[in-house]
């Protein structure tokens, strides 16, 4: 299986860490962002294979994303 890159966008650092650890254990690369605006910039820059995001975040929520 090819290594995939997964972008995790969540304003809750603890949740991001748990998800990131799980994704890394599965053998994938992790990209993290703490809000939708930063996540959008990372998505444009890195083109992840999958994006996991929170719906309720400051600055830009998951629905706006």
N, C-alpha and C. Protein backbone atom coordinates (compact mmCIF):
# COMPACT_ATOMS: atom_id res chain seq x y z
N UNK A 1 0.84 -1.18 0.00
CA UNK A 1 0.00 0.00 0.00
C UNK A 1 0.88 1.24 0.00
N UNK A 2 0.52 2.21 -0.81
CA UNK A 2 1.27 3.46 -0.88
C UNK A 2 1.01 4.31 0.35
N UNK A 3 2.03 5.04 0.74
CA UNK A 3 1.91 5.98 1.86
C UNK A 3 1.07 7.17 1.40
N UNK A 4 0.05 7.50 2.15
CA UNK A 4 -0.85 8.60 1.83
C UNK A 4 -0.58 9.77 2.77
N UNK A 5 -0.89 10.97 2.31
CA UNK A 5 -0.78 12.14 3.19
C UNK A 5 -2.19 12.53 3.63
N UNK A 6 -2.32 12.77 4.93
CA UNK A 6 -3.62 13.09 5.52
C UNK A 6 -3.50 14.40 6.27
N UNK A 7 -4.36 15.34 5.90
CA UNK A 7 -4.41 16.65 6.54
C UNK A 7 -5.48 16.62 7.62
N UNK A 8 -5.08 16.94 8.85
CA UNK A 8 -6.00 16.98 9.99
C UNK A 8 -6.17 18.44 10.38
N UNK A 9 -7.42 18.92 10.32
CA UNK A 9 -7.71 20.31 10.66
C UNK A 9 -8.66 20.32 11.86
N UNK A 10 -8.19 20.84 12.98
CA UNK A 10 -9.01 20.90 14.20
C UNK A 10 -8.38 21.92 15.13
N UNK A 11 -9.22 22.74 15.75
CA UNK A 11 -8.71 23.75 16.67
C UNK A 11 -8.36 23.16 18.03
N UNK A 12 -8.77 21.93 18.29
CA UNK A 12 -8.47 21.26 19.55
C UNK A 12 -7.17 20.46 19.38
N UNK A 13 -6.10 20.95 19.99
CA UNK A 13 -4.78 20.33 19.83
C UNK A 13 -4.76 18.87 20.28
N UNK A 14 -5.45 18.55 21.35
CA UNK A 14 -5.47 17.18 21.87
C UNK A 14 -6.11 16.23 20.85
N UNK A 15 -7.18 16.65 20.23
CA UNK A 15 -7.84 15.82 19.21
C UNK A 15 -6.93 15.63 18.00
N UNK A 16 -6.26 16.70 17.59
CA UNK A 16 -5.33 16.60 16.46
C UNK A 16 -4.22 15.60 16.77
N UNK A 17 -3.69 15.65 17.99
CA UNK A 17 -2.60 14.75 18.38
C UNK A 17 -3.05 13.29 18.36
N UNK A 18 -4.24 13.02 18.86
CA UNK A 18 -4.75 11.64 18.88
C UNK A 18 -4.93 11.13 17.46
N UNK A 19 -5.57 11.93 16.61
CA UNK A 19 -5.77 11.53 15.22
C UNK A 19 -4.44 11.36 14.50
N UNK A 20 -3.53 12.29 14.72
CA UNK A 20 -2.21 12.22 14.07
C UNK A 20 -1.47 10.95 14.46
N UNK A 21 -1.51 10.61 15.72
CA UNK A 21 -0.83 9.39 16.19
C UNK A 21 -1.43 8.16 15.51
N UNK A 22 -2.73 8.09 15.45
CA UNK A 22 -3.41 6.97 14.82
C UNK A 22 -3.04 6.86 13.34
N UNK A 23 -3.06 7.98 12.65
CA UNK A 23 -2.72 8.01 11.22
C UNK A 23 -1.27 7.58 11.00
N UNK A 24 -0.36 8.05 11.85
CA UNK A 24 1.05 7.67 11.72
C UNK A 24 1.27 6.18 11.98
N UNK A 25 0.54 5.64 12.97
CA UNK A 25 0.64 4.20 13.27
C UNK A 25 0.21 3.38 12.05
N UNK A 26 -0.74 3.90 11.30
CA UNK A 26 -1.20 3.22 10.09
C UNK A 26 -0.22 3.39 8.93
N UNK A 27 0.83 4.19 9.14
CA UNK A 27 1.87 4.32 8.14
C UNK A 27 1.73 5.47 7.17
N UNK A 28 0.92 6.45 7.50
CA UNK A 28 0.69 7.58 6.61
C UNK A 28 1.39 8.84 7.12
N UNK A 29 1.59 9.78 6.21
CA UNK A 29 2.14 11.08 6.58
C UNK A 29 1.02 11.97 7.10
N UNK A 30 1.35 12.81 8.08
CA UNK A 30 0.36 13.70 8.70
C UNK A 30 0.74 15.15 8.46
N UNK A 31 -0.27 15.93 8.10
CA UNK A 31 -0.15 17.39 8.02
C UNK A 31 -1.21 17.91 8.99
N UNK A 32 -0.86 18.91 9.80
CA UNK A 32 -1.82 19.43 10.77
C UNK A 32 -2.05 20.92 10.56
N UNK A 33 -3.27 21.35 10.89
CA UNK A 33 -3.61 22.77 10.88
C UNK A 33 -4.61 23.02 11.99
N UNK A 34 -4.52 24.21 12.60
CA UNK A 34 -5.37 24.50 13.77
C UNK A 34 -6.65 25.24 13.44
N UNK A 35 -6.86 25.62 12.18
CA UNK A 35 -8.14 26.22 11.78
C UNK A 35 -8.32 26.06 10.28
N UNK A 36 -9.50 26.40 9.81
CA UNK A 36 -9.82 26.22 8.40
C UNK A 36 -8.96 27.04 7.46
N UNK A 37 -8.63 28.26 7.85
CA UNK A 37 -7.80 29.11 6.98
C UNK A 37 -6.41 28.51 6.78
N UNK A 38 -5.79 28.08 7.88
CA UNK A 38 -4.49 27.44 7.77
C UNK A 38 -4.59 26.09 7.04
N UNK A 39 -5.67 25.39 7.28
CA UNK A 39 -5.89 24.11 6.61
C UNK A 39 -6.04 24.27 5.11
N UNK A 40 -6.74 25.31 4.69
CA UNK A 40 -6.92 25.57 3.27
C UNK A 40 -5.58 25.88 2.61
N UNK A 41 -4.76 26.65 3.30
CA UNK A 41 -3.43 26.97 2.77
C UNK A 41 -2.59 25.69 2.64
N UNK A 42 -2.64 24.83 3.64
CA UNK A 42 -1.89 23.56 3.60
C UNK A 42 -2.42 22.66 2.47
N UNK A 43 -3.73 22.63 2.31
CA UNK A 43 -4.32 21.80 1.26
C UNK A 43 -3.87 22.27 -0.12
N UNK A 44 -3.85 23.56 -0.32
CA UNK A 44 -3.41 24.11 -1.61
C UNK A 44 -1.93 23.85 -1.84
N UNK A 45 -1.14 23.97 -0.79
CA UNK A 45 0.31 23.81 -0.89
C UNK A 45 0.72 22.35 -1.09
N UNK A 46 0.11 21.46 -0.32
CA UNK A 46 0.59 20.07 -0.28
C UNK A 46 -0.29 19.06 -0.99
N UNK A 47 -1.54 19.42 -1.28
CA UNK A 47 -2.43 18.48 -1.98
C UNK A 47 -2.56 17.14 -1.30
N UNK A 48 -3.08 17.10 -0.07
CA UNK A 48 -3.18 15.83 0.66
C UNK A 48 -4.14 14.86 -0.02
N UNK A 49 -3.98 13.59 0.29
CA UNK A 49 -4.86 12.56 -0.26
C UNK A 49 -6.20 12.50 0.46
N UNK A 50 -6.21 12.93 1.72
CA UNK A 50 -7.42 12.91 2.53
C UNK A 50 -7.38 14.08 3.49
N UNK A 51 -8.55 14.68 3.75
CA UNK A 51 -8.65 15.77 4.71
C UNK A 51 -9.69 15.38 5.77
N UNK A 52 -9.29 15.43 7.03
CA UNK A 52 -10.19 15.23 8.16
C UNK A 52 -10.32 16.57 8.86
N UNK A 53 -11.55 17.07 9.02
CA UNK A 53 -11.67 18.38 9.65
C UNK A 53 -12.86 18.48 10.58
N UNK A 54 -12.68 19.33 11.56
CA UNK A 54 -13.71 19.66 12.54
C UNK A 54 -14.70 20.60 11.86
N UNK A 55 -15.96 20.52 12.24
CA UNK A 55 -16.95 21.43 11.67
C UNK A 55 -17.05 22.74 12.43
N UNK A 56 -16.70 22.73 13.72
CA UNK A 56 -16.83 23.95 14.52
C UNK A 56 -15.45 24.46 14.93
N UNK A 57 -14.96 25.45 14.16
CA UNK A 57 -13.65 26.05 14.42
C UNK A 57 -13.75 27.56 14.23
N UNK A 58 -12.86 28.31 14.87
CA UNK A 58 -12.83 29.76 14.65
C UNK A 58 -12.23 30.09 13.29
N UNK A 59 -12.42 31.29 12.83
CA UNK A 59 -11.87 31.87 11.60
C UNK A 59 -12.50 31.29 10.35
N UNK A 60 -12.50 30.00 10.17
CA UNK A 60 -13.18 29.35 9.05
C UNK A 60 -13.58 27.95 9.53
N UNK A 61 -14.90 27.71 9.60
CA UNK A 61 -15.33 26.41 10.10
C UNK A 61 -15.32 25.36 8.99
N UNK A 62 -15.64 24.15 9.35
CA UNK A 62 -15.58 23.05 8.40
C UNK A 62 -16.55 23.20 7.23
N UNK A 63 -17.70 23.77 7.46
CA UNK A 63 -18.66 23.97 6.36
C UNK A 63 -18.17 25.05 5.40
N UNK A 64 -17.56 26.09 5.92
CA UNK A 64 -17.00 27.14 5.06
C UNK A 64 -15.80 26.62 4.27
N UNK A 65 -15.07 25.72 4.88
CA UNK A 65 -13.89 25.15 4.24
C UNK A 65 -14.27 24.51 2.92
